[in-house]
Amino acid sequence: MSDTADPNQPVCALCGRAERLTRHHLIPRTRHRNRRVRRHYTLDTLHKAVIHVCRPCHSHIHRVLSEKELEREYNTLAALQGHPEIRRFVAWIRDKPPGFKPRSPGRRG
């Protein structure tokens, strides 16, 4: 395995690391049937509002923010990048090697 990054390897939308990516729905799927959501977004928008992030970033998003907060306030990549805890985590993990898995303190209560 080479130390140089493959330019064709997709990278995490948050930290920019070349990792195996997961799909993060900017408007959580659990909120898609909510009346407020249906009024504000088309089904097509709900299904296409997705970013690809690495597992550590994805887990951190859901640890820090509730489904309702994600739907109402953090439903864009720019909004997620502007959240102080997410920004701090991204700055920390950005330099970690591929495959690095941070220890998790558990979900937010």
PDB file of N, CA and C in Angstrom:
ATOM      1  N   MET A   1       0.829  -1.177   0.000  1.00  0.00           N
ATOM      2  CA  MET A   1       0.000   0.000   0.000  1.00  0.00           C
ATOM      3  C   MET A   1       0.875   1.243   0.000  1.00  0.00           C
ATOM      4  N   SER A   2       0.517   2.204  -0.823  1.00  0.00           N
ATOM      5  CA  SER A   2       1.307   3.414  -1.006  1.00  0.00           C
ATOM      6  C   SER A   2       0.897   4.493  -0.009  1.00  0.00           C
ATOM      7  N   ASP A   3       1.836   5.396   0.309  1.00  0.00           N
ATOM      8  CA  ASP A   3       1.538   6.510   1.201  1.00  0.00           C
ATOM      9  C   ASP A   3       0.900   7.676   0.459  1.00  0.00           C
ATOM     10  N   THR A   4       0.970   7.675  -0.875  1.00  0.00           N
ATOM     11  CA  THR A   4       0.390   8.774  -1.628  1.00  0.00           C
ATOM     12  C   THR A   4      -1.094   8.543  -1.843  1.00  0.00           C
ATOM     13  N   ALA A   5      -1.859   9.614  -1.800  1.00  0.00           N
ATOM     14  CA  ALA A   5      -3.311   9.523  -1.952  1.00  0.00           C
ATOM     15  C   ALA A   5      -3.666   9.302  -3.417  1.00  0.00           C
ATOM     16  N   ASP A   6      -4.652   8.481  -3.663  1.00  0.00           N
ATOM     17  CA  ASP A   6      -5.174   8.225  -4.998  1.00  0.00           C
ATOM     18  C   ASP A   6      -6.104   9.377  -5.372  1.00  0.00           C
ATOM     19  N   PRO A   7      -5.812  10.118  -6.458  1.00  0.00           N
ATOM     20  CA  PRO A   7      -6.657  11.258  -6.814  1.00  0.00           C
ATOM     21  C   PRO A   7      -8.078  10.852  -7.209  1.00  0.00           C
ATOM     22  N   ASN A   8      -8.297   9.580  -7.539  1.00  0.00           N
ATOM     23  CA  ASN A   8      -9.629   9.109  -7.908  1.00  0.00           C
ATOM     24  C   ASN A   8     -10.431   8.603  -6.712  1.00  0.00           C
ATOM     25  N   GLN A   9      -9.785   8.485  -5.554  1.00  0.00           N
ATOM     26  CA  GLN A   9     -10.456   8.012  -4.342  1.00  0.00           C
ATOM     27  C   GLN A   9     -11.373   9.102  -3.810  1.00  0.00           C
ATOM     28  N   PRO A  10     -12.644   8.787  -3.615  1.00  0.00           N
ATOM     29  CA  PRO A  10     -13.535   9.810  -3.048  1.00  0.00           C
ATOM     30  C   PRO A  10     -13.106  10.168  -1.628  1.00  0.00           C
ATOM     31  N   VAL A  11     -13.371  11.403  -1.258  1.00  0.00           N
ATOM     32  CA  VAL A  11     -12.966  11.867   0.067  1.00  0.00           C
ATOM     33  C   VAL A  11     -14.183  12.339   0.858  1.00  0.00           C
ATOM     34  N   CYS A  12     -14.044  12.323   2.151  1.00  0.00           N
ATOM     35  CA  CYS A  12     -15.095  12.768   3.064  1.00  0.00           C
ATOM     36  C   CYS A  12     -15.400  14.245   2.825  1.00  0.00           C
ATOM     37  N   ALA A  13     -16.677  14.573   2.745  1.00  0.00           N
ATOM     38  CA  ALA A  13     -17.102  15.954   2.512  1.00  0.00           C
ATOM     39  C   ALA A  13     -16.734  16.876   3.679  1.00  0.00           C
ATOM     40  N   LEU A  14     -16.522  16.323   4.860  1.00  0.00           N
ATOM     41  CA  LEU A  14     -16.166  17.147   6.014  1.00  0.00           C
ATOM     42  C   LEU A  14     -14.662  17.217   6.242  1.00  0.00           C
ATOM     43  N   CYS A  15     -14.027  16.083   6.425  1.00  0.00           N
ATOM     44  CA  CYS A  15     -12.606  16.102   6.805  1.00  0.00           C
ATOM     45  C   CYS A  15     -11.656  15.989   5.617  1.00  0.00           C
ATOM     46  N   GLY A  16     -12.166  15.566   4.466  1.00  0.00           N
ATOM     47  CA  GLY A  16     -11.323  15.472   3.282  1.00  0.00           C
ATOM     48  C   GLY A  16     -10.419  14.258   3.227  1.00  0.00           C
ATOM     49  N   ARG A  17     -10.585  13.321   4.173  1.00  0.00           N
ATOM     50  CA  ARG A  17      -9.746  12.121   4.155  1.00  0.00           C
ATOM     51  C   ARG A  17     -10.290  11.123   3.144  1.00  0.00           C
ATOM     52  N   ALA A  18      -9.384  10.413   2.486  1.00  0.00           N
ATOM     53  CA  ALA A  18      -9.771   9.361   1.550  1.00  0.00           C
ATOM     54  C   ALA A  18     -10.083   8.119   2.366  1.00  0.00           C
ATOM     55  N   GLU A  19     -11.338   7.894   2.598  1.00  0.00           N
ATOM     56  CA  GLU A  19     -11.819   6.794   3.435  1.00  0.00           C
ATOM     57  C   GLU A  19     -12.987   6.128   2.751  1.00  0.00           C
ATOM     58  N   ARG A  20     -13.410   5.013   3.287  1.00  0.00           N
ATOM     59  CA  ARG A  20     -14.670   4.414   2.865  1.00  0.00           C
ATOM     60  C   ARG A  20     -15.774   5.355   3.353  1.00  0.00           C
ATOM     61  N   LEU A  21     -16.701   5.701   2.465  1.00  0.00           N
ATOM     62  CA  LEU A  21     -17.684   6.720   2.793  1.00  0.00           C
ATOM     63  C   LEU A  21     -19.067   6.148   3.070  1.00  0.00           C
ATOM     64  N   THR A  22     -19.821   6.884   3.881  1.00  0.00           N
ATOM     65  CA  THR A  22     -21.220   6.556   4.173  1.00  0.00           C
ATOM     66  C   THR A  22     -22.068   7.717   3.668  1.00  0.00           C
ATOM     67  N   ARG A  23     -23.346   7.442   3.447  1.00  0.00           N
ATOM     68  CA  ARG A  23     -24.273   8.486   2.996  1.00  0.00           C
ATOM     69  C   ARG A  23     -24.931   9.125   4.211  1.00  0.00           C
ATOM     70  N   HIS A  24     -24.812  10.441   4.298  1.00  0.00           N
ATOM     71  CA  HIS A  24     -25.482  11.182   5.370  1.00  0.00           C
ATOM     72  C   HIS A  24     -26.594  12.004   4.744  1.00  0.00           C
ATOM     73  N   HIS A  25     -27.825  11.730   5.130  1.00  0.00           N
ATOM     74  CA  HIS A  25     -28.964  12.505   4.661  1.00  0.00           C
ATOM     75  C   HIS A  25     -29.000  13.817   5.432  1.00  0.00           C
ATOM     76  N   LEU A  26     -28.894  14.922   4.716  1.00  0.00           N
ATOM     77  CA  LEU A  26     -28.868  16.223   5.374  1.00  0.00           C
ATOM     78  C   LEU A  26     -30.167  16.488   6.127  1.00  0.00           C
ATOM     79  N   ILE A  27     -31.275  15.993   5.604  1.00  0.00           N
ATOM     80  CA  ILE A  27     -32.548  16.003   6.328  1.00  0.00           C
ATOM     81  C   ILE A  27     -32.792  14.551   6.696  1.00  0.00           C
ATOM     82  N   PRO A  28     -32.648  14.194   7.967  1.00  0.00           N
ATOM     83  CA  PRO A  28     -32.701  12.790   8.380  1.00  0.00           C
ATOM     84  C   PRO A  28     -33.942  12.065   7.861  1.00  0.00           C
ATOM     85  N   ARG A  29     -33.746  10.838   7.442  1.00  0.00           N
ATOM     86  CA  ARG A  29     -34.845  10.031   6.908  1.00  0.00           C
ATOM     87  C   ARG A  29     -35.968   9.852   7.932  1.00  0.00           C
ATOM     88  N   THR A  30     -35.636   9.842   9.194  1.00  0.00           N
ATOM     89  CA  THR A  30     -36.669   9.702  10.227  1.00  0.00           C
ATOM     90  C   THR A  30     -37.598  10.911  10.252  1.00  0.00           C
ATOM     91  N   ARG A  31     -37.192  12.028   9.654  1.00  0.00           N
ATOM     92  CA  ARG A  31     -37.988  13.251   9.651  1.00  0.00           C
ATOM     93  C   ARG A  31     -38.762  13.444   8.342  1.00  0.00           C
ATOM     94  N   HIS A  32     -38.543  12.580   7.346  1.00  0.00           N
ATOM     95  CA  HIS A  32     -39.164  12.756   6.031  1.00  0.00           C
ATOM     96  C   HIS A  32     -40.687  12.747   6.067  1.00  0.00           C
ATOM     97  N   ARG A  33     -41.296  12.046   6.991  1.00  0.00           N
ATOM     98  CA  ARG A  33     -42.767  11.971   7.055  1.00  0.00           C
ATOM     99  C   ARG A  33     -43.389  13.079   7.897  1.00  0.00           C
ATOM    100  N   ASN A  34     -42.556  13.878   8.514  1.00  0.00           N
ATOM    101  CA  ASN A  34     -43.028  14.982   9.341  1.00  0.00           C
ATOM    102  C   ASN A  34     -43.723  16.030   8.460  1.00  0.00           C
ATOM    103  N   ARG A  35     -44.875  16.530   8.920  1.00  0.00           N
ATOM    104  CA  ARG A  35     -45.656  17.502   8.129  1.00  0.00           C
ATOM    105  C   ARG A  35     -44.870  18.756   7.795  1.00  0.00           C
ATOM    106  N   ARG A  36     -44.134  19.247   8.762  1.00  0.00           N
ATOM    107  CA  ARG A  36     -43.333  20.456   8.530  1.00  0.00           C
ATOM    108  C   ARG A  36     -42.320  20.219   7.414  1.00  0.00           C
ATOM    109  N   VAL A  37     -41.683  19.083   7.436  1.00  0.00           N
ATOM    110  CA  VAL A  37     -40.690  18.740   6.416  1.00  0.00           C
ATOM    111  C   VAL A  37     -41.360  18.627   5.054  1.00  0.00           C
ATOM    112  N   ARG A  38     -42.500  17.957   4.996  1.00  0.00           N
ATOM    113  CA  ARG A  38     -43.226  17.788   3.726  1.00  0.00           C
ATOM    114  C   ARG A  38     -43.641  19.136   3.136  1.00  0.00           C
ATOM    115  N   ARG A  39     -43.960  20.106   4.000  1.00  0.00           N
ATOM    116  CA  ARG A  39     -44.333  21.440   3.513  1.00  0.00           C
ATOM    117  C   ARG A  39     -43.136  22.189   2.927  1.00  0.00           C
ATOM    118  N   HIS A  40     -41.957  21.991   3.510  1.00  0.00           N
ATOM    119  CA  HIS A  40     -40.780  22.762   3.116  1.00  0.00           C
ATOM    120  C   HIS A  40     -39.944  22.131   2.008  1.00  0.00           C
ATOM    121  N   TYR A  41     -40.053  20.826   1.820  1.00  0.00           N
ATOM    122  CA  TYR A  41     -39.183  20.141   0.859  1.00  0.00           C
ATOM    123  C   TYR A  41     -39.992  19.193  -0.016  1.00  0.00           C
ATOM    124  N   THR A  42     -39.561  19.042  -1.272  1.00  0.00           N
ATOM    125  CA  THR A  42     -40.169  18.030  -2.132  1.00  0.00           C
ATOM    126  C   THR A  42     -39.517  16.690  -1.812  1.00  0.00           C
ATOM    127  N   LEU A  43     -40.184  15.611  -2.180  1.00  0.00           N
ATOM    128  CA  LEU A  43     -39.595  14.281  -1.955  1.00  0.00           C
ATOM    129  C   LEU A  43     -38.277  14.150  -2.702  1.00  0.00           C
ATOM    130  N   ASP A  44     -38.223  14.700  -3.892  1.00  0.00           N
ATOM    131  CA  ASP A  44     -36.992  14.637  -4.680  1.00  0.00           C
ATOM    132  C   ASP A  44     -35.845  15.329  -3.935  1.00  0.00           C
ATOM    133  N   THR A  45     -36.127  16.479  -3.358  1.00  0.00           N
ATOM    134  CA  THR A  45     -35.111  17.202  -2.579  1.00  0.00           C
ATOM    135  C   THR A  45     -34.665  16.385  -1.381  1.00  0.00           C
ATOM    136  N   LEU A  46     -35.611  15.781  -0.691  1.00  0.00           N
ATOM    137  CA  LEU A  46     -35.273  14.974   0.481  1.00  0.00           C
ATOM    138  C   LEU A  46     -34.352  13.818   0.117  1.00  0.00           C
ATOM    139  N   HIS A  47     -34.600  13.181  -1.009  1.00  0.00           N
ATOM    140  CA  HIS A  47     -33.798  12.027  -1.405  1.00  0.00           C
ATOM    141  C   HIS A  47     -32.435  12.417  -1.963  1.00  0.00           C
ATOM    142  N   LYS A  48     -32.328  13.620  -2.504  1.00  0.00           N
ATOM    143  CA  LYS A  48     -31.058  14.058  -3.085  1.00  0.00           C
ATOM    144  C   LYS A  48     -30.183  14.846  -2.119  1.00  0.00           C
ATOM    145  N   ALA A  49     -30.723  15.249  -0.997  1.00  0.00           N
ATOM    146  CA  ALA A  49     -29.963  16.028  -0.015  1.00  0.00           C
ATOM    147  C   ALA A  49     -29.091  15.082   0.805  1.00  0.00           C
ATOM    148  N   VAL A  50     -28.002  14.644   0.174  1.00  0.00           N
ATOM    149  CA  VAL A  50     -27.107  13.644   0.761  1.00  0.00           C
ATOM    150  C   VAL A  50     -25.665  14.099   0.569  1.00  0.00           C
ATOM    151  N   ILE A  51     -24.843  13.900   1.580  1.00  0.00           N
ATOM    152  CA  ILE A  51     -23.400  14.096   1.429  1.00  0.00           C
ATOM    153  C   ILE A  51     -22.724  12.780   1.792  1.00  0.00           C
ATOM    154  N   HIS A  52     -21.507  12.609   1.321  1.00  0.00           N
ATOM    155  CA  HIS A  52     -20.748  11.392   1.620  1.00  0.00           C
ATOM    156  C   HIS A  52     -19.650  11.740   2.609  1.00  0.00           C
ATOM    157  N   VAL A  53     -19.702  11.068   3.751  1.00  0.00           N
ATOM    158  CA  VAL A  53     -18.749  11.331   4.828  1.00  0.00           C
ATOM    159  C   VAL A  53     -18.173  10.015   5.347  1.00  0.00           C
ATOM    160  N   CYS A  54     -17.001  10.094   5.957  1.00  0.00           N
ATOM    161  CA  CYS A  54     -16.395   8.903   6.546  1.00  0.00           C
ATOM    162  C   CYS A  54     -17.173   8.509   7.798  1.00  0.00           C
ATOM    163  N   ARG A  55     -17.015   7.289   8.245  1.00  0.00           N
ATOM    164  CA  ARG A  55     -17.743   6.796   9.415  1.00  0.00           C
ATOM    165  C   ARG A  55     -17.466   7.634  10.671  1.00  0.00           C
ATOM    166  N   PRO A  56     -16.197   8.014  10.974  1.00  0.00           N
ATOM    167  CA  PRO A  56     -15.990   8.818  12.183  1.00  0.00           C
ATOM    168  C   PRO A  56     -16.732  10.157  12.136  1.00  0.00           C
ATOM    169  N   CYS A  57     -16.719  10.834  11.001  1.00  0.00           N
ATOM    170  CA  CYS A  57     -17.436  12.116  10.887  1.00  0.00           C
ATOM    171  C   CYS A  57     -18.936  11.893  10.986  1.00  0.00           C
ATOM    172  N   HIS A  58     -19.449  10.849  10.338  1.00  0.00           N
ATOM    173  CA  HIS A  58     -20.876  10.547  10.364  1.00  0.00           C
ATOM    174  C   HIS A  58     -21.324  10.264  11.800  1.00  0.00           C
ATOM    175  N   SER A  59     -20.566   9.458  12.500  1.00  0.00           N
ATOM    176  CA  SER A  59     -20.913   9.141  13.889  1.00  0.00           C
ATOM    177  C   SER A  59     -20.883  10.392  14.754  1.00  0.00           C
ATOM    178  N   HIS A  60     -19.907  11.266  14.514  1.00  0.00           N
ATOM    179  CA  HIS A  60     -19.800  12.476  15.316  1.00  0.00           C
ATOM    180  C   HIS A  60     -20.990  13.412  15.078  1.00  0.00           C
ATOM    181  N   ILE A  61     -21.415  13.527  13.833  1.00  0.00           N
ATOM    182  CA  ILE A  61     -22.587  14.354  13.516  1.00  0.00           C
ATOM    183  C   ILE A  61     -23.774  13.910  14.372  1.00  0.00           C
ATOM    184  N   HIS A  62     -24.037  12.596  14.373  1.00  0.00           N
ATOM    185  CA  HIS A  62     -25.201  12.079  15.097  1.00  0.00           C
ATOM    186  C   HIS A  62     -25.003  12.066  16.609  1.00  0.00           C
ATOM    187  N   ARG A  63     -23.768  12.097  17.064  1.00  0.00           N
ATOM    188  CA  ARG A  63     -23.507  12.170  18.497  1.00  0.00           C
ATOM    189  C   ARG A  63     -23.774  13.584  19.007  1.00  0.00           C
ATOM    190  N   VAL A  64     -23.486  14.577  18.184  1.00  0.00           N
ATOM    191  CA  VAL A  64     -23.566  15.971  18.593  1.00  0.00           C
ATOM    192  C   VAL A  64     -24.952  16.590  18.370  1.00  0.00           C
ATOM    193  N   LEU A  65     -25.615  16.192  17.283  1.00  0.00           N
ATOM    194  CA  LEU A  65     -26.870  16.853  16.906  1.00  0.00           C
ATOM    195  C   LEU A  65     -28.045  15.880  16.893  1.00  0.00           C
ATOM    196  N   SER A  66     -29.190  16.355  17.336  1.00  0.00           N
ATOM    197  CA  SER A  66     -30.404  15.538  17.285  1.00  0.00           C
ATOM    198  C   SER A  66     -30.956  15.533  15.861  1.00  0.00           C
ATOM    199  N   GLU A  67     -31.868  14.613  15.591  1.00  0.00           N
ATOM    200  CA  GLU A  67     -32.502  14.533  14.271  1.00  0.00           C
ATOM    201  C   GLU A  67     -33.226  15.850  13.958  1.00  0.00           C
ATOM    202  N   LYS A  68     -33.891  16.407  14.946  1.00  0.00           N
ATOM    203  CA  LYS A  68     -34.628  17.658  14.743  1.00  0.00           C
ATOM    204  C   LYS A  68     -33.676  18.818  14.463  1.00  0.00           C
ATOM    205  N   GLU A  69     -32.551  18.876  15.175  1.00  0.00           N
ATOM    206  CA  GLU A  69     -31.562  19.929  14.916  1.00  0.00           C
ATOM    207  C   GLU A  69     -30.990  19.788  13.508  1.00  0.00           C
ATOM    208  N   LEU A  70     -30.721  18.541  13.103  1.00  0.00           N
ATOM    209  CA  LEU A  70     -30.213  18.310  11.756  1.00  0.00           C
ATOM    210  C   LEU A  70     -31.225  18.788  10.716  1.00  0.00           C
ATOM    211  N   GLU A  71     -32.474  18.462  10.908  1.00  0.00           N
ATOM    212  CA  GLU A  71     -33.526  18.852   9.958  1.00  0.00           C
ATOM    213  C   GLU A  71     -33.684  20.369   9.885  1.00  0.00           C
ATOM    214  N   ARG A  72     -33.710  21.019  11.025  1.00  0.00           N
ATOM    215  CA  ARG A  72     -34.076  22.439  11.053  1.00  0.00           C
ATOM    216  C   ARG A  72     -32.911  23.402  10.884  1.00  0.00           C
ATOM    217  N   GLU A  73     -31.759  23.081  11.453  1.00  0.00           N
ATOM    218  CA  GLU A  73     -30.659  24.050  11.460  1.00  0.00           C
ATOM    219  C   GLU A  73     -29.408  23.605  10.710  1.00  0.00           C
ATOM    220  N   TYR A  74     -29.170  22.326  10.633  1.00  0.00           N
ATOM    221  CA  TYR A  74     -27.913  21.840  10.062  1.00  0.00           C
ATOM    222  C   TYR A  74     -28.170  20.947   8.852  1.00  0.00           C
ATOM    223  N   ASN A  75     -28.999  21.436   7.925  1.00  0.00           N
ATOM    224  CA  ASN A  75     -29.403  20.636   6.772  1.00  0.00           C
ATOM    225  C   ASN A  75     -28.639  20.966   5.501  1.00  0.00           C
ATOM    226  N   THR A  76     -27.475  21.609   5.665  1.00  0.00           N
ATOM    227  CA  THR A  76     -26.576  21.848   4.532  1.00  0.00           C
ATOM    228  C   THR A  76     -25.155  21.517   4.974  1.00  0.00           C
ATOM    229  N   LEU A  77     -24.300  21.271   4.002  1.00  0.00           N
ATOM    230  CA  LEU A  77     -22.896  21.001   4.313  1.00  0.00           C
ATOM    231  C   LEU A  77     -22.278  22.219   5.007  1.00  0.00           C
ATOM    232  N   ALA A  78     -22.573  23.415   4.509  1.00  0.00           N
ATOM    233  CA  ALA A  78     -22.013  24.634   5.101  1.00  0.00           C
ATOM    234  C   ALA A  78     -22.441  24.791   6.557  1.00  0.00           C
ATOM    235  N   ALA A  79     -23.692  24.500   6.857  1.00  0.00           N
ATOM    236  CA  ALA A  79     -24.179  24.607   8.238  1.00  0.00           C
ATOM    237  C   ALA A  79     -23.457  23.609   9.141  1.00  0.00           C
ATOM    238  N   LEU A  80     -23.284  22.372   8.663  1.00  0.00           N
ATOM    239  CA  LEU A  80     -22.553  21.371   9.454  1.00  0.00           C
ATOM    240  C   LEU A  80     -21.113  21.829   9.698  1.00  0.00           C
ATOM    241  N   GLN A  81     -20.480  22.342   8.648  1.00  0.00           N
ATOM    242  CA  GLN A  81     -19.096  22.802   8.782  1.00  0.00           C
ATOM    243  C   GLN A  81     -18.978  23.982   9.742  1.00  0.00           C
ATOM    244  N   GLY A  82     -20.054  24.729   9.924  1.00  0.00           N
ATOM    245  CA  GLY A  82     -20.033  25.877  10.814  1.00  0.00           C
ATOM    246  C   GLY A  82     -20.313  25.559  12.268  1.00  0.00           C
ATOM    247  N   HIS A  83     -20.777  24.340  12.561  1.00  0.00           N
ATOM    248  CA  HIS A  83     -21.065  23.970  13.950  1.00  0.00           C
ATOM    249  C   HIS A  83     -19.741  23.842  14.709  1.00  0.00           C
ATOM    250  N   PRO A  84     -19.600  24.517  15.858  1.00  0.00           N
ATOM    251  CA  PRO A  84     -18.309  24.532  16.565  1.00  0.00           C
ATOM    252  C   PRO A  84     -17.767  23.144  16.929  1.00  0.00           C
ATOM    253  N   GLU A  85     -18.608  22.250  17.444  1.00  0.00           N
ATOM    254  CA  GLU A  85     -18.115  20.919  17.840  1.00  0.00           C
ATOM    255  C   GLU A  85     -17.714  20.092  16.625  1.00  0.00           C
ATOM    256  N   ILE A  86     -18.455  20.213  15.546  1.00  0.00           N
ATOM    257  CA  ILE A  86     -18.117  19.465  14.332  1.00  0.00           C
ATOM    258  C   ILE A  86     -16.841  20.034  13.728  1.00  0.00           C
ATOM    259  N   ARG A  87     -16.728  21.355  13.694  1.00  0.00           N
ATOM    260  CA  ARG A  87     -15.519  21.989  13.161  1.00  0.00           C
ATOM    261  C   ARG A  87     -14.284  21.557  13.959  1.00  0.00           C
ATOM    262  N   ARG A  88     -14.422  21.508  15.281  1.00  0.00           N
ATOM    263  CA  ARG A  88     -13.298  21.098  16.145  1.00  0.00           C
ATOM    264  C   ARG A  88     -12.919  19.634  15.882  1.00  0.00           C
ATOM    265  N   PHE A  89     -13.921  18.748  15.745  1.00  0.00           N
ATOM    266  CA  PHE A  89     -13.671  17.339  15.475  1.00  0.00           C
ATOM    267  C   PHE A  89     -12.991  17.163  14.117  1.00  0.00           C
ATOM    268  N   VAL A  90     -13.497  17.863  13.097  1.00  0.00           N
ATOM    269  CA  VAL A  90     -12.932  17.761  11.749  1.00  0.00           C
ATOM    270  C   VAL A  90     -11.469  18.217  11.744  1.00  0.00           C
ATOM    271  N   ALA A  91     -11.171  19.309  12.434  1.00  0.00           N
ATOM    272  CA  ALA A  91      -9.790  19.792  12.514  1.00  0.00           C
ATOM    273  C   ALA A  91      -8.892  18.751  13.181  1.00  0.00           C
ATOM    274  N   TRP A  92      -9.427  18.055  14.171  1.00  0.00           N
ATOM    275  CA  TRP A  92      -8.654  17.043  14.888  1.00  0.00           C
ATOM    276  C   TRP A  92      -8.425  15.787  14.042  1.00  0.00           C
ATOM    277  N   ILE A  93      -9.461  15.317  13.355  1.00  0.00           N
ATOM    278  CA  ILE A  93      -9.350  14.035  12.641  1.00  0.00           C
ATOM    279  C   ILE A  93      -8.704  14.168  11.266  1.00  0.00           C
ATOM    280  N   ARG A  94      -8.698  15.365  10.727  1.00  0.00           N
ATOM    281  CA  ARG A  94      -8.198  15.600   9.367  1.00  0.00           C
ATOM    282  C   ARG A  94      -6.818  14.981   9.120  1.00  0.00           C
ATOM    283  N   ASP A  95      -5.936  15.014  10.106  1.00  0.00           N
ATOM    284  CA  ASP A  95      -4.558  14.527   9.923  1.00  0.00           C
ATOM    285  C   ASP A  95      -4.360  13.075  10.338  1.00  0.00           C
ATOM    286  N   LYS A  96      -5.416  12.412  10.765  1.00  0.00           N
ATOM    287  CA  LYS A  96      -5.297  11.014  11.195  1.00  0.00           C
ATOM    288  C   LYS A  96      -5.175  10.105   9.969  1.00  0.00           C
ATOM    289  N   PRO A  97      -4.490   8.975  10.113  1.00  0.00           N
ATOM    290  CA  PRO A  97      -4.280   8.067   8.971  1.00  0.00           C
ATOM    291  C   PRO A  97      -5.571   7.361   8.553  1.00  0.00           C
ATOM    292  N   PRO A  98      -5.620   6.897   7.303  1.00  0.00           N
ATOM    293  CA  PRO A  98      -6.792   6.131   6.850  1.00  0.00           C
ATOM    294  C   PRO A  98      -7.026   4.932   7.762  1.00  0.00           C
ATOM    295  N   GLY A  99      -8.271   4.668   8.041  1.00  0.00           N
ATOM    296  CA  GLY A  99      -8.618   3.546   8.906  1.00  0.00           C
ATOM    297  C   GLY A  99      -8.649   3.887  10.383  1.00  0.00           C
ATOM    298  N   PHE A 100      -8.220   5.103  10.755  1.00  0.00           N
ATOM    299  CA  PHE A 100      -8.224   5.515  12.160  1.00  0.00           C
ATOM    300  C   PHE A 100      -9.659   5.552  12.673  1.00  0.00           C
ATOM    301  N   LYS A 101      -9.879   4.957  13.836  1.00  0.00           N
ATOM    302  CA  LYS A 101     -11.208   4.935  14.455  1.00  0.00           C
ATOM    303  C   LYS A 101     -11.096   5.538  15.856  1.00  0.00           C
ATOM    304  N   PRO A 102     -11.653   6.721  16.034  1.00  0.00           N
ATOM    305  CA  PRO A 102     -11.581   7.344  17.372  1.00  0.00           C
ATOM    306  C   PRO A 102     -12.464   6.599  18.365  1.00  0.00           C
ATOM    307  N   ARG A 103     -12.082   6.659  19.619  1.00  0.00           N
ATOM    308  CA  ARG A 103     -12.936   6.080  20.650  1.00  0.00           C
ATOM    309  C   ARG A 103     -14.154   6.954  20.801  1.00  0.00           C
ATOM    310  N   SER A 104     -15.288   6.347  20.997  1.00  0.00           N
ATOM    311  CA  SER A 104     -16.547   7.074  21.064  1.00  0.00           C
ATOM    312  C   SER A 104     -17.074   7.112  22.487  1.00  0.00           C
ATOM    313  N   PRO A 105     -17.453   8.303  22.961  1.00  0.00           N
ATOM    314  CA  PRO A 105     -18.022   8.373  24.307  1.00  0.00           C
ATOM    315  C   PRO A 105     -19.486   7.957  24.354  1.00  0.00           C
ATOM    316  N   GLY A 106     -20.083   7.673  23.225  1.00  0.00           N
ATOM    317  CA  GLY A 106     -21.488   7.275  23.175  1.00  0.00           C
ATOM    318  C   GLY A 106     -22.374   8.368  22.620  1.00  0.00           C
ATOM    319  N   ARG A 107     -23.628   8.013  22.382  1.00  0.00           N
ATOM    320  CA  ARG A 107     -24.590   8.969  21.814  1.00  0.00           C
ATOM    321  C   ARG A 107     -24.974  10.047  22.807  1.00  0.00           C
ATOM    322  N   ARG A 108     -25.347  11.156  22.257  1.00  0.00           N
ATOM    323  CA  ARG A 108     -25.847  12.267  23.057  1.00  0.00           C
ATOM    324  C   ARG A 108     -27.199  11.886  23.647  1.00  0.00           C
ATOM    325  N   GLY A 109     -27.421  12.207  24.903  1.00  0.00           N
ATOM    326  CA  GLY A 109     -28.626  11.799  25.595  1.00  0.00           C
ATOM    327  C   GLY A 109     -29.773  12.663  25.481  1.00  0.00           C
TER     328      GLY A 109
END
